[in-house]
């Protein structure tokens, strides 16, 4: 009799415990935190801007494809993104927690794309332990489904030509061709990702679909367009240098606006610092990380729910990815020499730009293409005149900046390259048009809402 009573109590306790297990709650903030973790790892690993765009897009698409299977508002990208199909179908009776599965997929795909896998594993495992403790059954079934989707996404991304471009020839430097890009100080690095234009596009017909106007023909004639643009970059740089010198002399704490803008949008992961005979990297965001963070800021400002947050990240990262393919395709077809090289050779051998020149050809401006595209996409989602405060660069010692719209931010990001002394105006203006066309095409081509 005593045994029967104890058994009955145990059964009742177990039944009550199971009944009281609550569903695991996944919020918009949880998703933002996971993307932030990936960004931090990319800064540590020093990924190039084009490669960073790849690290953002595939994890977000994985999460999105899970999210849409239980959504009345958003629809799948299968058949819309090149090669994306056969995503495992969700069994609605399986007990899968869809937001949880989406977040698991985001982390697991991210782990496959970074160098510091252990950093993501540490973050992931802490969450896995928490979720397992909260509701082990729900966690396990959600994880099982997520990993099926991850496997499909991994096979899809493995066919984007990335692996093949790892073994393609390096960029060739010819000292006897003054019009052609040359490595720049202080590190004189090889050209970064010369074959990125061969990466599979997701939405565009090809890397060359939105080909910009041709750059001005190279010339050392002082009456030529090329010389005139180089002289403008030189003069703007000198004015900023004078303003900074005046600030030092007067002991003012107000940084000249052009200098502040250039520094805020620098986003050069290859910037280096020299101390004596030592040279080391100065950790910075990539330009895509900056715009992905702006997407997060927009979500937090608008207080978007989980599904919309995943949608915003996914569409923005698709735009970022396409922008770099289009821009890099042009950079390594035109091979335009950077202002620093040209100015030192033909105008002033002692001139230095405010920003370190990044290691790839000049035309078009990556910031201009990427920023204009991102602004088109975010404006389509959140509307014109969406005011926000950009705190993306606080971790790197820079203050916040306020913007009244995404397009205002994109315009500022673009002109920052002239202020920084690393681009000619034509690369900026034509890059903006290139980016706008990409963004508008994505907005019209992708059907992500029902």
Protein backbone atom coordinates (compact mmCIF):
# COMPACT_ATOMS: atom_id res chain seq x y z
CA UNK A 1 0.00 0.00 0.00
CA UNK A 2 2.86 2.36 0.90
CA UNK A 3 4.53 1.59 -2.45
CA UNK A 4 1.31 2.29 -4.35
CA UNK A 5 0.86 5.68 -2.67
CA UNK A 6 4.47 6.67 -3.39
CA UNK A 7 4.10 5.55 -7.00
CA UNK A 8 0.91 7.54 -7.37
CA UNK A 9 2.60 10.64 -5.92
CA UNK A 10 5.56 10.23 -8.31
CA UNK A 11 3.30 9.86 -11.34
CA UNK A 12 1.30 12.93 -10.33
CA UNK A 13 4.53 14.93 -9.81
CA UNK A 14 5.88 13.95 -13.22
CA UNK A 15 2.58 14.71 -14.92
CA UNK A 16 2.40 18.10 -13.23
CA UNK A 17 6.04 18.87 -14.11
CA UNK A 18 5.49 18.05 -17.77
CA UNK A 19 2.27 20.01 -17.83
CA UNK A 20 3.99 23.04 -16.30
CA UNK A 21 6.84 23.16 -18.85
CA UNK A 22 6.46 26.45 -20.68
CA UNK A 23 7.24 27.09 -24.32
CA UNK A 24 10.66 28.61 -24.88
CA UNK A 25 10.34 32.30 -25.69
CA UNK A 26 12.51 33.74 -28.46
CA UNK A 27 12.37 37.49 -29.04
CA UNK A 28 13.55 39.99 -31.60
CA UNK A 29 16.32 40.95 -29.16
CA UNK A 30 17.54 37.35 -29.09
CA UNK A 31 17.94 37.36 -32.85
CA UNK A 32 19.70 40.72 -32.84
CA UNK A 33 22.10 39.45 -30.17
CA UNK A 34 22.98 36.41 -32.28
CA UNK A 35 23.78 38.57 -35.31
CA UNK A 36 25.81 40.92 -33.11
CA UNK A 37 27.81 37.93 -31.91
CA UNK A 38 28.67 37.02 -35.50
CA UNK A 39 29.69 40.63 -36.21
CA UNK A 40 32.03 40.63 -33.22
CA UNK A 41 33.64 37.41 -34.39
CA UNK A 42 34.09 38.78 -37.92
CA UNK A 43 35.85 41.86 -36.55
CA UNK A 44 38.16 39.57 -34.59
CA UNK A 45 38.80 37.29 -37.57
CA UNK A 46 39.32 40.27 -39.94
CA UNK A 47 37.11 39.22 -42.83
CA UNK A 48 37.10 41.32 -45.98
CA UNK A 49 33.90 43.26 -46.74
CA UNK A 50 32.86 40.95 -49.62
CA UNK A 51 33.38 37.80 -47.55
CA UNK A 52 31.56 39.39 -44.61
CA UNK A 53 28.52 39.87 -46.83
CA UNK A 54 28.46 36.11 -47.42
CA UNK A 55 28.70 35.43 -43.70
CA UNK A 56 25.61 37.56 -43.14
CA UNK A 57 23.35 36.43 -45.95
CA UNK A 58 23.26 32.63 -45.64
CA UNK A 59 22.49 32.42 -41.89
CA UNK A 60 19.72 35.00 -42.29
CA UNK A 61 18.19 33.14 -45.22
CA UNK A 62 18.27 29.92 -43.18
CA UNK A 63 16.41 31.59 -40.31
CA UNK A 64 13.98 33.24 -42.70
CA UNK A 65 13.09 30.00 -44.48
CA UNK A 66 12.12 28.44 -41.15
CA UNK A 67 10.24 31.53 -39.96
CA UNK A 68 8.02 31.73 -43.06
CA UNK A 69 6.72 28.19 -42.61
CA UNK A 70 4.56 29.36 -39.74
CA UNK A 71 3.78 32.88 -40.96
CA UNK A 72 0.67 34.40 -42.47
CA UNK A 73 2.60 37.49 -43.56
CA UNK A 74 5.90 36.35 -45.11
CA UNK A 75 6.59 33.85 -47.87
CA UNK A 76 9.49 31.64 -48.89
CA UNK A 77 12.43 32.69 -51.05
CA UNK A 78 12.54 29.24 -52.65
CA UNK A 79 12.49 29.70 -56.40
CA UNK A 80 13.33 33.39 -55.96
CA UNK A 81 16.98 33.11 -54.92
CA UNK A 82 19.14 31.23 -57.41
CA UNK A 83 19.44 27.56 -56.54
CA UNK A 84 17.37 27.74 -53.36
CA UNK A 85 14.84 24.93 -53.20
CA UNK A 86 13.93 21.75 -51.31
CA UNK A 87 13.86 23.33 -47.85
CA UNK A 88 12.56 20.62 -45.47
CA UNK A 89 8.86 21.15 -44.82
CA UNK A 90 7.81 21.82 -41.25
CA UNK A 91 5.45 19.28 -39.70
CA UNK A 92 3.07 21.57 -37.83
CA UNK A 93 2.16 18.73 -35.46
CA UNK A 94 5.78 18.01 -34.49
CA UNK A 95 5.93 20.55 -31.67
CA UNK A 96 8.69 22.60 -33.28
CA UNK A 97 9.10 26.07 -31.80
CA UNK A 98 9.56 28.02 -35.03
CA UNK A 99 11.40 31.11 -33.70
CA UNK A 100 13.67 28.82 -31.70
CA UNK A 101 14.44 26.67 -34.75
CA UNK A 102 15.10 29.81 -36.81
CA UNK A 103 17.59 31.13 -34.27
CA UNK A 104 19.32 27.75 -34.02
CA UNK A 105 19.68 27.68 -37.82
CA UNK A 106 21.15 31.19 -37.84
CA UNK A 107 23.84 30.19 -35.35
CA UNK A 108 24.64 26.84 -36.93
CA UNK A 109 25.07 28.25 -40.44
CA UNK A 110 27.15 31.12 -39.06
CA UNK A 111 29.47 28.60 -37.40
CA UNK A 112 30.23 27.09 -40.80
CA UNK A 113 31.34 30.46 -42.21
CA UNK A 114 33.70 32.00 -39.65
CA UNK A 115 37.24 31.08 -38.63
CA UNK A 116 36.66 31.26 -34.87
CA UNK A 117 34.08 28.49 -34.69
CA UNK A 118 34.75 28.02 -30.99
CA UNK A 119 33.49 31.54 -30.27
CA UNK A 120 30.10 30.78 -31.81
CA UNK A 121 30.06 27.36 -30.14
CA UNK A 122 30.58 28.98 -26.75
CA UNK A 123 27.72 31.40 -27.34
CA UNK A 124 25.49 28.70 -28.84
CA UNK A 125 26.16 26.12 -26.13
CA UNK A 126 25.26 28.57 -23.36
CA UNK A 127 21.89 29.08 -25.04
CA UNK A 128 21.44 25.37 -25.72
CA UNK A 129 21.93 24.62 -22.03
CA UNK A 130 19.41 27.31 -21.07
CA UNK A 131 16.79 26.13 -23.55
CA UNK A 132 17.26 22.48 -22.67
CA UNK A 133 16.70 23.34 -19.03
CA UNK A 134 13.57 25.34 -19.84
CA UNK A 135 11.90 22.73 -22.07
CA UNK A 136 14.08 19.87 -23.21
CA UNK A 137 11.53 18.19 -25.48
CA UNK A 138 10.68 21.39 -27.34
CA UNK A 139 14.34 22.30 -27.66
CA UNK A 140 15.36 18.91 -29.06
CA UNK A 141 12.58 18.68 -31.64
CA UNK A 142 13.21 22.28 -32.73
CA UNK A 143 16.93 21.68 -32.99
CA UNK A 144 16.37 18.50 -35.01
CA UNK A 145 14.29 20.37 -37.57
CA UNK A 146 16.68 23.35 -37.65
CA UNK A 147 19.65 21.11 -38.42
CA UNK A 148 17.80 19.61 -41.39
CA UNK A 149 17.36 23.10 -42.80
CA UNK A 150 20.99 23.94 -42.00
CA UNK A 151 22.13 20.92 -43.99
CA UNK A 152 20.12 22.06 -47.01
CA UNK A 153 21.38 25.66 -46.76
CA UNK A 154 24.97 24.42 -46.43
CA UNK A 155 24.66 22.44 -49.66
CA UNK A 156 23.15 25.45 -51.40
CA UNK A 157 25.81 27.91 -50.28
CA UNK A 158 28.51 25.39 -51.16
CA UNK A 159 27.62 25.85 -54.83
CA UNK A 160 28.08 29.64 -54.97
CA UNK A 161 31.60 29.42 -56.46
CA UNK A 162 33.28 30.64 -53.26
CA UNK A 163 35.50 27.58 -52.91
CA UNK A 164 36.54 27.81 -56.54
CA UNK A 165 37.60 31.46 -56.21
CA UNK A 166 39.98 30.52 -53.37
CA UNK A 167 42.34 28.90 -55.88
CA UNK A 168 42.12 31.48 -58.66
CA UNK A 169 45.19 33.62 -59.51
CA UNK A 170 46.13 36.67 -57.47
CA UNK A 171 45.75 40.14 -58.91
CA UNK A 172 48.69 41.06 -61.14
CA UNK A 173 50.52 44.33 -60.48
CA UNK A 174 52.30 46.01 -63.39
CA UNK A 175 54.60 48.88 -62.46
CA UNK A 176 54.73 50.07 -66.07
CA UNK A 177 50.95 50.66 -66.20
CA UNK A 178 50.27 53.89 -64.27
CA UNK A 179 46.51 53.75 -64.89
CA UNK A 180 46.24 50.38 -63.14
CA UNK A 181 45.68 49.93 -59.40
CA UNK A 182 48.82 49.57 -57.29
CA UNK A 183 49.16 48.47 -53.64
CA UNK A 184 49.12 51.42 -51.24
CA UNK A 185 50.83 52.30 -47.95
CA UNK A 186 51.32 51.52 -45.20
CA UNK A 187 50.83 47.75 -45.61
CA UNK A 188 51.00 47.49 -49.43
CA UNK A 189 48.59 44.56 -49.31
CA UNK A 190 47.64 42.41 -52.28
CA UNK A 191 44.29 43.22 -53.88
CA UNK A 192 41.41 41.75 -51.88
CA UNK A 193 39.04 39.28 -53.56
CA UNK A 194 39.85 39.99 -57.23
CA UNK A 195 37.44 37.24 -58.34
CA UNK A 196 34.43 38.16 -56.19
CA UNK A 197 32.50 39.13 -59.31
CA UNK A 198 32.41 35.41 -60.13
CA UNK A 199 30.41 34.55 -56.99
CA UNK A 200 26.87 33.36 -57.78
CA UNK A 201 24.36 36.18 -57.53
CA UNK A 202 21.12 35.56 -55.65
CA UNK A 203 18.71 37.96 -57.36
CA UNK A 204 20.57 39.78 -60.12
CA UNK A 205 20.80 38.15 -63.55
CA UNK A 206 24.59 38.51 -63.38
CA UNK A 207 27.31 40.53 -61.68
CA UNK A 208 27.28 42.93 -64.64
CA UNK A 209 23.52 43.54 -64.72
CA UNK A 210 23.85 47.02 -63.20
CA UNK A 211 27.01 48.15 -64.89
CA UNK A 212 27.78 51.81 -64.08
CA UNK A 213 29.05 54.45 -66.46
CA UNK A 214 32.65 53.95 -67.49
CA UNK A 215 35.25 55.80 -65.39
CA UNK A 216 37.03 58.78 -66.87
CA UNK A 217 39.99 57.75 -69.05
CA UNK A 218 43.31 57.90 -67.22
CA UNK A 219 45.26 61.06 -68.00
CA UNK A 220 47.95 63.27 -66.51
CA UNK A 221 46.82 66.25 -68.57
CA UNK A 222 45.84 69.02 -66.15
CA UNK A 223 42.80 69.82 -68.30
CA UNK A 224 41.50 66.24 -68.26
CA UNK A 225 38.53 64.97 -66.23
CA UNK A 226 40.74 62.42 -64.50
CA UNK A 227 43.28 64.98 -63.34
CA UNK A 228 40.51 67.38 -62.30
CA UNK A 229 38.91 64.73 -60.09
CA UNK A 230 42.24 63.79 -58.52
CA UNK A 231 42.93 67.46 -57.85
CA UNK A 232 39.54 67.79 -56.15
CA UNK A 233 40.32 64.87 -53.83
CA UNK A 234 43.70 66.44 -53.11
CA UNK A 235 42.22 69.88 -52.36
CA UNK A 236 39.46 68.50 -50.14
CA UNK A 237 42.03 66.51 -48.20
CA UNK A 238 44.23 69.55 -47.74
CA UNK A 239 41.32 71.62 -46.46
CA UNK A 240 40.44 68.97 -43.89
CA UNK A 241 44.09 68.76 -42.80
CA UNK A 242 44.15 72.56 -42.34
CA UNK A 243 40.96 72.45 -40.30
CA UNK A 244 42.38 69.71 -38.07
CA UNK A 245 45.58 71.70 -37.58
CA UNK A 246 43.57 74.78 -36.63
CA UNK A 247 41.60 72.68 -34.15
CA UNK A 248 44.84 71.55 -32.49
CA UNK A 249 46.23 75.08 -32.32
CA UNK A 250 43.10 76.48 -30.69
CA UNK A 251 42.77 73.38 -28.48
CA UNK A 252 39.20 73.02 -29.68
CA UNK A 253 37.36 69.77 -29.00
CA UNK A 254 35.06 70.20 -31.99
CA UNK A 255 36.21 67.96 -34.82
CA UNK A 256 35.63 69.42 -38.31
CA UNK A 257 32.45 67.93 -39.77
CA UNK A 258 34.09 66.50 -42.90
CA UNK A 259 36.72 64.76 -40.78
CA UNK A 260 34.08 63.39 -38.39
CA UNK A 261 32.07 62.03 -41.31
CA UNK A 262 35.10 60.39 -42.93
CA UNK A 263 36.11 58.71 -39.68
CA UNK A 264 32.59 57.57 -38.78
CA UNK A 265 32.16 55.76 -42.10
CA UNK A 266 35.75 54.49 -42.41
CA UNK A 267 34.84 50.84 -41.78
CA UNK A 268 38.20 49.56 -43.01
CA UNK A 269 39.03 46.18 -41.44
CA UNK A 270 42.49 46.40 -43.01
CA UNK A 271 43.55 49.62 -41.28
CA UNK A 272 46.95 49.15 -39.64
CA UNK A 273 48.95 50.90 -36.95
CA UNK A 274 52.74 51.14 -37.09
CA UNK A 275 54.85 51.32 -33.94
CA UNK A 276 58.58 51.26 -34.59
CA UNK A 277 59.25 48.19 -36.70
CA UNK A 278 55.94 46.61 -35.76
CA UNK A 279 52.70 46.80 -37.75
CA UNK A 280 49.40 45.44 -36.50
CA UNK A 281 45.75 45.55 -37.51
CA UNK A 282 43.38 48.08 -36.01
CA UNK A 283 40.08 46.28 -35.45
CA UNK A 284 37.18 47.94 -37.26
CA UNK A 285 33.74 47.17 -38.64
CA UNK A 286 33.26 46.34 -42.28
CA UNK A 287 30.85 48.59 -44.21
CA UNK A 288 28.36 45.72 -44.43
CA UNK A 289 28.54 45.24 -40.65
CA UNK A 290 27.70 48.92 -40.27
CA UNK A 291 24.59 48.65 -42.44
CA UNK A 292 23.51 45.37 -40.86
CA UNK A 293 23.71 47.20 -37.54
CA UNK A 294 21.60 50.03 -38.97
CA UNK A 295 19.01 47.37 -39.84
CA UNK A 296 19.10 46.30 -36.19
CA UNK A 297 18.74 49.90 -35.01
CA UNK A 298 15.71 50.31 -37.27
CA UNK A 299 14.13 47.16 -35.85
CA UNK A 300 14.69 48.30 -32.29
CA UNK A 301 13.46 51.82 -33.04
CA UNK A 302 10.30 50.47 -34.70
CA UNK A 303 9.94 47.72 -32.06
CA UNK A 304 9.51 45.00 -34.67
CA UNK A 305 8.43 41.51 -33.66
CA UNK A 306 10.58 38.44 -34.22
CA UNK A 307 9.29 37.64 -37.70
CA UNK A 308 9.71 41.15 -39.04
CA UNK A 309 13.18 41.39 -37.53
CA UNK A 310 14.28 38.25 -39.38
CA UNK A 311 12.70 39.63 -42.55
CA UNK A 312 14.55 42.96 -42.21
CA UNK A 313 17.92 41.30 -41.61
CA UNK A 314 17.39 38.87 -44.48
CA UNK A 315 16.37 41.40 -47.11
CA UNK A 316 19.10 43.83 -46.06
CA UNK A 317 21.77 41.13 -46.15
CA UNK A 318 20.65 40.03 -49.63
CA UNK A 319 21.10 43.62 -50.80
CA UNK A 320 24.52 43.81 -49.17
CA UNK A 321 25.59 40.55 -50.80
CA UNK A 322 24.45 41.58 -54.28
CA UNK A 323 26.05 45.01 -53.89
CA UNK A 324 29.51 43.60 -53.28
CA UNK A 325 29.30 41.22 -56.22
CA UNK A 326 28.24 44.03 -58.55
CA UNK A 327 30.78 46.51 -57.19
CA UNK A 328 33.73 44.09 -57.13
CA UNK A 329 32.93 42.98 -60.66
CA UNK A 330 33.45 46.58 -61.76
CA UNK A 331 36.49 47.21 -59.57
CA UNK A 332 38.45 44.41 -61.15
CA UNK A 333 37.28 45.14 -64.68
CA UNK A 334 38.22 48.81 -64.55
CA UNK A 335 41.26 48.49 -62.21
CA UNK A 336 41.31 52.24 -61.58
CA UNK A 337 44.30 53.60 -59.67
CA UNK A 338 43.60 55.06 -56.23
CA UNK A 339 43.90 58.82 -55.55
CA UNK A 340 46.81 58.30 -53.15
CA UNK A 341 48.92 56.63 -55.85
CA UNK A 342 48.02 59.13 -58.55
CA UNK A 343 48.44 62.24 -56.38
CA UNK A 344 51.81 61.08 -55.03
CA UNK A 345 53.00 60.46 -58.58
CA UNK A 346 51.67 63.53 -60.39
CA UNK A 347 50.64 66.22 -57.87
CA UNK A 348 52.30 65.96 -54.46
CA UNK A 349 54.63 63.12 -53.45
CA UNK A 350 54.14 63.85 -49.74
CA UNK A 351 50.34 63.90 -49.70
CA UNK A 352 48.46 61.43 -47.52
CA UNK A 353 44.72 60.81 -47.32
CA UNK A 354 42.94 61.15 -43.99
CA UNK A 355 41.89 57.50 -44.16
CA UNK A 356 44.09 54.56 -45.06
CA UNK A 357 43.42 53.47 -48.62
CA UNK A 358 41.76 50.02 -48.67
CA UNK A 359 43.47 47.28 -50.73
CA UNK A 360 41.47 47.06 -53.94
CA UNK A 361 40.81 49.16 -57.07
CA UNK A 362 38.94 52.45 -56.89
CA UNK A 363 35.96 52.29 -59.24
CA UNK A 364 33.17 52.19 -58.10
CA UNK A 365 33.01 53.11 -54.43
CA UNK A 366 31.92 50.11 -52.37
CA UNK A 367 30.46 52.32 -49.64
CA UNK A 368 28.40 54.17 -52.23
CA UNK A 369 26.99 51.04 -53.86
CA UNK A 370 26.31 49.24 -50.58
CA UNK A 371 24.86 52.26 -48.77
CA UNK A 372 22.55 53.31 -51.60
CA UNK A 373 21.27 49.75 -52.00
CA UNK A 374 20.71 49.29 -48.26
CA UNK A 375 18.92 52.63 -48.03
CA UNK A 376 16.54 51.64 -50.83
CA UNK A 377 15.70 48.37 -49.09
CA UNK A 378 15.29 49.82 -45.59
CA UNK A 379 13.25 52.76 -46.89
CA UNK A 380 10.89 50.33 -48.65
CA UNK A 381 10.35 48.59 -45.31
CA UNK A 382 10.26 51.47 -42.83
CA UNK A 383 9.41 54.42 -45.07
CA UNK A 384 11.01 57.76 -45.90
CA UNK A 385 12.04 60.09 -43.10
CA UNK A 386 12.71 57.27 -40.63
CA UNK A 387 14.79 59.08 -38.02
CA UNK A 388 17.28 57.11 -35.95
CA UNK A 389 20.48 57.40 -33.95
CA UNK A 390 23.41 55.39 -35.31
CA UNK A 391 25.60 54.03 -32.51
CA UNK A 392 27.37 51.44 -34.69
CA UNK A 393 30.85 52.85 -34.12
CA UNK A 394 30.72 53.32 -30.34
CA UNK A 395 32.68 50.06 -29.77
CA UNK A 396 35.44 51.60 -31.89
CA UNK A 397 35.65 54.84 -29.94
CA UNK A 398 33.47 57.03 -32.14
CA UNK A 399 30.36 58.99 -31.12
CA UNK A 400 26.76 58.49 -32.26
CA UNK A 401 25.38 60.28 -35.30
CA UNK A 402 21.75 61.23 -35.92
CA UNK A 403 20.00 60.74 -39.25
CA UNK A 404 16.57 61.76 -40.50
CA UNK A 405 16.41 58.97 -43.08
CA UNK A 406 18.32 56.01 -44.46
CA UNK A 407 18.96 57.93 -47.66
CA UNK A 408 20.55 60.79 -45.74
CA UNK A 409 22.86 58.26 -44.09
CA UNK A 410 23.67 56.68 -47.46
CA UNK A 411 24.53 60.06 -48.97
CA UNK A 412 26.80 60.84 -46.03
CA UNK A 413 28.49 57.43 -46.21
CA UNK A 414 29.14 57.98 -49.91
CA UNK A 415 30.65 61.46 -49.69
CA UNK A 416 32.76 60.31 -46.73
CA UNK A 417 35.01 58.57 -49.25
CA UNK A 418 35.90 61.90 -50.85
CA UNK A 419 36.52 63.47 -47.43
CA UNK A 420 38.70 60.50 -46.53
CA UNK A 421 40.82 60.97 -49.65
CA UNK A 422 40.31 57.46 -50.97
CA UNK A 423 37.94 58.02 -53.91
CA UNK A 424 37.27 60.34 -56.82
CA UNK A 425 33.83 61.93 -57.09
CA UNK A 426 32.80 59.92 -60.18
CA UNK A 427 33.22 56.62 -58.32
CA UNK A 428 30.98 57.97 -55.58
CA UNK A 429 28.20 59.40 -57.75
CA UNK A 430 28.12 56.48 -60.17
CA UNK A 431 28.39 54.05 -57.27
CA UNK A 432 25.30 55.61 -55.68
CA UNK A 433 23.34 55.13 -58.91
CA UNK A 434 24.59 51.55 -59.17
CA UNK A 435 23.47 50.80 -55.62
CA UNK A 436 20.08 52.45 -56.09
CA UNK A 437 19.39 50.30 -59.13
CA UNK A 438 20.34 47.13 -57.25
CA UNK A 439 18.15 48.04 -54.28
CA UNK A 440 15.18 48.97 -56.46
CA UNK A 441 15.56 45.75 -58.42
CA UNK A 442 15.56 43.66 -55.24
CA UNK A 443 12.50 45.53 -53.97
CA UNK A 444 10.60 44.81 -57.18
CA UNK A 445 11.91 41.31 -57.83
CA UNK A 446 11.64 39.62 -54.43
CA UNK A 447 8.16 38.79 -53.17
CA UNK A 448 8.73 38.28 -49.46
CA UNK A 449 5.35 39.38 -48.10
CA UNK A 450 1.99 37.77 -48.86
